[in-house]
Protein backbone atom coordinates (compact mmCIF):
# COMPACT_ATOMS: atom_id res chain seq x y z
CA UNK A 1 74.92 94.20 85.21
CA UNK A 2 71.20 92.66 84.80
CA UNK A 3 68.86 93.40 87.47
CA UNK A 4 67.86 89.82 87.52
CA UNK A 5 69.33 87.65 90.14
CA UNK A 6 72.98 87.32 89.04
CA UNK A 7 74.75 83.85 89.13
CA UNK A 8 77.29 84.14 91.88
CA UNK A 9 79.72 81.23 92.07
CA UNK A 10 81.48 80.78 95.25
CA UNK A 11 84.79 78.67 95.39
CA UNK A 12 84.90 77.49 98.90
CA UNK A 13 82.70 76.80 101.86
CA UNK A 14 81.83 80.19 103.76
CA UNK A 15 80.25 80.46 107.22
CA UNK A 16 76.63 79.20 107.05
CA UNK A 17 75.00 82.48 107.73
CA UNK A 18 76.87 83.96 104.80
CA UNK A 19 75.94 81.13 102.43
CA UNK A 20 72.35 81.24 103.44
CA UNK A 21 72.20 85.23 102.53
CA UNK A 22 73.75 84.47 99.33
CA UNK A 23 71.25 82.02 98.39
CA UNK A 24 68.68 84.51 99.49
CA UNK A 25 69.87 87.43 97.52
CA UNK A 26 71.35 85.89 94.39
CA UNK A 27 71.31 82.72 92.28
CA UNK A 28 74.32 81.26 94.20
CA UNK A 29 76.31 78.28 93.44
CA UNK A 30 78.03 77.13 96.52
CA UNK A 31 80.85 74.71 97.06
CA UNK A 32 79.36 72.09 99.77
CA UNK A 33 82.23 69.89 99.91
CA UNK A 34 84.77 72.94 100.33
CA UNK A 35 87.17 71.03 97.72
CA UNK A 36 89.70 73.57 96.35
CA UNK A 37 88.76 74.28 92.81
CA UNK A 38 91.58 73.41 90.14
CA UNK A 39 92.48 75.63 87.48
CA UNK A 40 90.25 74.01 85.05
CA UNK A 41 87.45 74.35 87.57
CA UNK A 42 88.08 77.95 87.98
CA UNK A 43 88.10 78.36 84.15
CA UNK A 44 84.66 76.71 83.82
CA UNK A 45 83.53 79.03 86.64
CA UNK A 46 84.43 82.33 84.90
CA UNK A 47 82.87 80.94 81.75
CA UNK A 48 79.59 81.10 83.50
CA UNK A 49 79.56 83.43 86.51
CA UNK A 50 78.25 86.83 86.49
CA UNK A 51 79.96 87.24 89.88
CA UNK A 52 82.98 85.09 91.24
CA UNK A 53 83.73 84.96 94.81
CA UNK A 54 87.05 83.54 95.23
CA UNK A 55 89.31 82.86 98.25
CA UNK A 56 93.08 83.83 98.90
CA UNK A 57 94.27 80.35 97.73
CA UNK A 58 92.32 80.52 94.30
CA UNK A 59 94.65 81.76 91.54
CA UNK A 60 92.53 83.97 89.27
CA UNK A 61 95.39 85.01 86.80
CA UNK A 62 95.28 86.09 83.20
CA UNK A 63 95.10 82.51 81.77
CA UNK A 64 91.81 81.86 83.79
CA UNK A 65 90.36 85.45 82.98
CA UNK A 66 91.02 84.91 79.26
CA UNK A 67 87.98 82.39 79.50
CA UNK A 68 85.72 84.86 81.34
CA UNK A 69 82.30 85.35 79.92
CA UNK A 70 81.15 88.77 78.85
CA UNK A 71 78.74 88.85 81.79
CA UNK A 72 81.31 88.31 84.55
CA UNK A 73 81.59 91.67 85.75
CA UNK A 74 82.67 91.28 89.44
CA UNK A 75 85.15 89.32 91.37
CA UNK A 76 84.30 89.78 95.10
CA UNK A 77 87.40 88.31 96.84
CA UNK A 78 86.85 86.69 100.10
CA UNK A 79 90.07 88.02 101.74
CA UNK A 80 91.93 91.18 102.54
CA UNK A 81 94.76 90.78 100.09
CA UNK A 82 94.25 90.61 96.34
CA UNK A 83 97.44 89.03 95.23
CA UNK A 84 95.66 85.82 94.10
CA UNK A 85 93.83 88.04 91.45
CA UNK A 86 95.38 89.64 88.25
CA UNK A 87 93.76 92.96 89.02
CA UNK A 88 95.34 94.58 86.15
CA UNK A 89 93.86 91.96 83.66
CA UNK A 90 90.64 92.14 85.51
CA UNK A 91 90.52 95.95 85.04
CA UNK A 92 91.44 95.81 81.31
CA UNK A 93 88.56 93.41 80.80
CA UNK A 94 86.06 95.77 82.58
CA UNK A 95 85.79 93.49 85.60
CA UNK A 96 85.72 95.19 89.14
CA UNK A 97 87.42 93.55 91.81
CA UNK A 98 86.82 93.90 95.45
CA UNK A 99 88.29 92.62 98.75
CA UNK A 100 87.23 92.52 102.48
CA UNK A 101 89.71 95.14 104.45
CA UNK A 102 89.72 95.97 108.03
CA UNK A 103 88.08 92.91 109.43
CA UNK A 104 91.00 90.88 110.36
CA UNK A 105 93.16 93.50 111.67
CA UNK A 106 92.61 92.56 115.42
CA UNK A 107 92.78 88.77 114.86
CA UNK A 108 95.86 88.95 112.88
CA UNK A 109 97.60 91.19 115.40
CA UNK A 110 96.44 88.80 118.14
CA UNK A 111 98.40 85.96 116.32
CA UNK A 112 101.22 87.96 115.60
CA UNK A 113 101.65 88.38 119.55
CA UNK A 114 100.88 85.04 120.06
CA UNK A 115 103.60 83.64 117.98
CA UNK A 116 106.13 86.12 119.44
CA UNK A 117 105.39 84.69 122.80
CA UNK A 118 105.39 80.97 121.40
CA UNK A 119 108.58 81.36 119.88
CA UNK A 120 110.41 83.48 122.59
CA UNK A 121 109.05 81.27 125.34
CA UNK A 122 109.20 77.75 123.64
CA UNK A 123 105.60 77.13 124.23
CA UNK A 124 105.18 74.47 121.59
CA UNK A 125 108.41 72.57 122.85
CA UNK A 126 106.94 72.70 126.27
CA UNK A 127 103.63 71.42 125.38
CA UNK A 128 105.18 68.67 123.70
CA UNK A 129 107.15 67.72 126.81
CA UNK A 130 103.92 67.96 128.81
CA UNK A 131 102.16 65.53 126.63
CA UNK A 132 105.16 63.11 126.31
CA UNK A 133 104.73 61.50 129.64
CA UNK A 134 108.30 62.00 130.21
CA UNK A 135 108.18 65.24 132.17
CA UNK A 136 110.29 64.74 135.37
CA UNK A 137 109.11 67.89 137.04
CA UNK A 138 110.35 71.51 137.40
CA UNK A 139 113.97 72.30 136.97
CA UNK A 140 115.89 75.67 137.35
CA UNK A 141 117.44 75.14 133.63
CA UNK A 142 114.60 73.27 131.95
CA UNK A 143 112.90 74.89 129.03
CA UNK A 144 114.59 78.27 129.28
CA UNK A 145 113.28 80.76 126.75
CA UNK A 146 113.84 84.68 126.58
CA UNK A 147 112.05 87.46 128.24
CA UNK A 148 110.27 89.82 125.65
CA UNK A 149 109.85 92.80 128.01
CA UNK A 150 112.43 95.44 127.08
CA UNK A 151 113.27 93.92 123.85
CA UNK A 152 113.25 95.78 120.52
CA UNK A 153 110.34 94.89 118.10
CA UNK A 154 110.83 95.70 114.41
CA UNK A 155 107.66 95.91 112.51
CA UNK A 156 107.84 95.66 108.71
CA UNK A 157 104.57 97.26 107.64
CA UNK A 158 103.01 99.85 109.61
CA UNK A 159 99.45 99.72 108.11
CA UNK A 160 96.40 98.88 109.94
CA UNK A 161 97.65 95.47 111.45
CA UNK A 162 101.11 96.58 112.05
CA UNK A 163 99.69 99.30 114.19
CA UNK A 164 97.32 96.94 115.87
CA UNK A 165 100.55 94.77 116.59
CA UNK A 166 102.54 97.80 117.95
CA UNK A 167 99.64 98.87 120.32
CA UNK A 168 99.66 95.04 121.76
CA UNK A 169 103.48 94.89 122.08
CA UNK A 170 103.58 98.19 123.91
CA UNK A 171 101.64 96.28 126.66
CA UNK A 172 104.26 93.62 126.83
CA UNK A 173 107.01 96.37 127.22
CA UNK A 174 108.61 96.04 123.80
CA UNK A 175 110.06 99.04 122.30
CA UNK A 176 108.50 99.79 118.75
CA UNK A 177 110.42 100.44 115.85
CA UNK A 178 109.12 100.38 112.29
CA UNK A 179 109.92 100.46 108.66
CA UNK A 180 107.24 101.48 106.18
CA UNK A 181 106.75 102.94 102.68
CA UNK A 182 105.40 106.10 104.28
CA UNK A 183 105.93 107.50 107.84
CA UNK A 184 102.89 107.14 109.93
CA UNK A 185 101.32 110.33 111.56
CA UNK A 186 103.22 111.84 114.16
CA UNK A 187 100.31 111.41 116.61
CA UNK A 188 100.50 107.67 116.11
CA UNK A 189 104.31 107.58 116.48
CA UNK A 190 104.09 109.63 119.78
CA UNK A 191 101.20 107.28 121.12
CA UNK A 192 103.31 104.03 120.36
CA UNK A 193 106.77 105.91 121.18
CA UNK A 194 107.65 104.42 117.91
CA UNK A 195 111.03 104.92 116.17
CA UNK A 196 110.79 105.26 112.27
CA UNK A 197 113.58 103.73 110.19
CA UNK A 198 113.91 104.76 106.62
CA UNK A 199 116.50 102.13 106.03
CA UNK A 200 115.12 98.67 106.51
CA UNK A 201 118.50 97.25 106.65
CA UNK A 202 119.73 99.56 109.54
CA UNK A 203 116.40 98.70 111.57
CA UNK A 204 117.16 94.91 110.94
CA UNK A 205 120.50 95.08 112.24
CA UNK A 206 119.23 96.40 115.64
CA UNK A 207 116.17 94.38 116.36
CA UNK A 208 115.37 91.48 118.54
CA UNK A 209 112.27 90.53 117.12
CA UNK A 210 110.91 91.19 113.44
CA UNK A 211 107.46 90.86 112.40
CA UNK A 212 106.31 91.00 108.90
CA UNK A 213 103.24 92.76 108.49
CA UNK A 214 103.24 94.22 105.04
CA UNK A 215 101.26 92.79 102.07
CA UNK A 216 102.62 90.73 99.26
CA UNK A 217 103.15 92.64 96.18
CA UNK A 218 105.92 92.73 93.31
CA UNK A 219 107.87 95.26 95.45
CA UNK A 220 107.64 93.09 98.59
CA UNK A 221 108.71 90.02 97.01
CA UNK A 222 111.61 88.55 99.11
CA UNK A 223 111.89 91.82 100.89
CA UNK A 224 113.39 89.73 103.68
CA UNK A 225 115.94 88.52 101.23
CA UNK A 226 119.00 86.17 101.98
CA UNK A 227 121.11 89.30 102.23
CA UNK A 228 118.63 90.95 104.84
CA UNK A 229 118.25 88.04 106.72
CA UNK A 230 121.95 87.98 107.24
CA UNK A 231 121.71 91.42 108.63
CA UNK A 232 119.85 90.09 111.70
CA UNK A 233 121.69 89.38 114.80
CA UNK A 234 121.86 85.66 115.95
CA UNK A 235 119.52 85.92 118.96
CA UNK A 236 116.70 87.63 116.69
CA UNK A 237 113.21 86.02 115.80
CA UNK A 238 111.35 86.43 112.66
CA UNK A 239 107.62 86.40 112.90
CA UNK A 240 105.18 86.12 109.85
CA UNK A 241 101.58 86.49 109.69
CA UNK A 242 101.33 88.31 106.36
CA UNK A 243 102.32 86.47 103.18
CA UNK A 244 105.14 83.64 102.85
CA UNK A 245 106.41 85.27 99.71
CA UNK A 246 107.79 88.43 101.56
CA UNK A 247 110.54 86.28 103.03
CA UNK A 248 113.14 83.95 101.18
CA UNK A 249 112.09 80.95 102.85
CA UNK A 250 115.00 78.75 101.75
CA UNK A 251 117.50 81.14 103.13
CA UNK A 252 115.43 81.59 106.39
CA UNK A 253 115.57 77.63 106.72
CA UNK A 254 119.12 77.49 106.25
CA UNK A 255 119.82 80.34 109.01
CA UNK A 256 117.57 78.53 111.45
CA UNK A 257 119.10 75.18 110.95
CA UNK A 258 122.65 76.71 111.62
CA UNK A 259 121.46 78.69 114.45
CA UNK A 260 122.44 82.01 112.58
CA UNK A 261 118.66 83.11 113.66
CA UNK A 262 117.44 82.18 117.20
CA UNK A 263 113.85 81.08 115.85
CA UNK A 264 110.73 81.86 114.00
CA UNK A 265 106.93 81.85 113.88
CA UNK A 266 105.37 81.27 110.69
CA UNK A 267 101.57 81.48 110.10
CA UNK A 268 102.35 81.57 106.27
CA UNK A 269 104.67 80.03 103.65
CA UNK A 270 106.14 80.75 100.34
CA UNK A 271 104.69 77.74 98.55
CA UNK A 272 101.82 76.83 100.94
CA UNK A 273 100.36 74.64 101.56
CA UNK A 274 103.64 72.98 100.80
CA UNK A 275 106.16 73.46 103.72
CA UNK A 276 109.69 72.95 103.55
CA UNK A 277 110.46 69.48 105.23
CA UNK A 278 113.63 70.92 106.57
CA UNK A 279 111.58 73.69 108.14
CA UNK A 280 108.99 71.24 109.68
CA UNK A 281 111.92 69.38 111.39
CA UNK A 282 113.35 72.63 113.34
CA UNK A 283 112.59 72.61 117.09
CA UNK A 284 113.15 76.44 117.11
CA UNK A 285 110.19 77.18 114.85
CA UNK A 286 106.64 77.40 115.50
CA UNK A 287 104.46 76.73 112.61
CA UNK A 288 100.72 77.30 112.05
CA UNK A 289 98.35 76.42 108.98
CA UNK A 290 97.66 80.10 107.78
CA UNK A 291 95.19 80.59 110.67
CA UNK A 292 95.99 84.25 111.72
CA UNK A 293 92.57 85.28 110.72
CA UNK A 294 90.76 82.23 111.66
CA UNK A 295 87.97 83.46 114.06
CA UNK A 296 84.42 82.96 113.54
CA UNK A 297 83.86 86.67 114.01
CA UNK A 298 86.38 87.43 111.31
CA UNK A 299 85.21 85.19 108.69
CA UNK A 300 81.30 86.29 109.12
CA UNK A 301 82.65 90.01 108.88
CA UNK A 302 84.54 89.16 105.81
CA UNK A 303 81.30 87.47 104.45
CA UNK A 304 79.27 90.53 105.23
CA UNK A 305 81.64 92.47 103.22
CA UNK A 306 81.34 90.28 100.32
CA UNK A 307 77.60 90.51 100.42
CA UNK A 308 77.64 94.42 100.53
CA UNK A 309 80.06 94.62 97.74
CA UNK A 310 77.86 92.22 95.50
CA UNK A 311 74.62 93.92 96.56
CA UNK A 312 76.01 97.39 95.78
CA UNK A 313 77.51 96.51 92.46
CA UNK A 314 74.30 94.60 91.52
CA UNK A 315 72.35 97.72 92.25
CA UNK A 316 74.33 99.83 90.26
CA UNK A 317 76.58 101.35 92.57
CA UNK A 318 80.18 101.47 93.23
CA UNK A 319 81.11 98.85 95.67
CA UNK A 320 82.74 100.33 98.93
CA UNK A 321 85.96 97.97 98.75
CA UNK A 322 86.84 98.26 95.04
CA UNK A 323 90.54 97.54 94.32
CA UNK A 324 92.33 99.39 91.54
CA UNK A 325 95.50 98.24 89.86
CA UNK A 326 98.49 100.12 90.67
CA UNK A 327 98.69 102.28 87.43
CA UNK A 328 94.99 103.21 87.36
């Protein structure tokens, strides 16, 4: 890439400190309105940009990349996941892709535990009662939820976030179980008193709460399928702060409506920002607008990683958070 200030096109508003630094270092074109770019907007952006900074909601697929100008050499994704970017096509076109790993772990783990508590203890329903003006006072049988202490927590995906969830859950007295592509180190298992399940089906059949903490990949699409959801016991709760595509949302909605599952806490959705209206109507579901990583500290840390990746690449070095396609 040329040593001159590259044209960096940013698709959404970023924290002010990050935008200011982008303007200082590069020829940066920002998005002051924060209006999501359409597909045609993204095509126009890749026709001009030397560096594109998309977010997790921007689909940088092969149809968009087909229009990329020859000088587009870096896609610095503002996000931990890169399922919004066709990494294979980018790699074939000589475009480096980076992400922002390791900065959202604690925030997402916090939100996972918040949803566990909110669903089991019916916090949203209680808050609505308190605001309604119709609360008549304490009752021995009013707003009864369920204790989480002593329950079994099944973690689907024992990476950084899953491990952080497990550490928090231990503090609440939950028994830790997990299913992962690879078994974690014995020292971590010992520290967390975690039980590994090679069979996801066998784990699901025995859990009181299941949290989804694995990334969305072709291999994890609908990993919690209709069949697997049926394996769960009727009193179980499902929590998802990862990606909506990991769960068959229609099947989940049907089972929640029929009380085949006790409840769910969802921060992500299969077709977001669209949410199934039937899901929105359910009292036993806590719905959040994809805010698991929404802390100022986390967003600034993400931006700092984007800056480092761009600056390192422009200076002719391999960026620290390069993402390679599976076959590379």
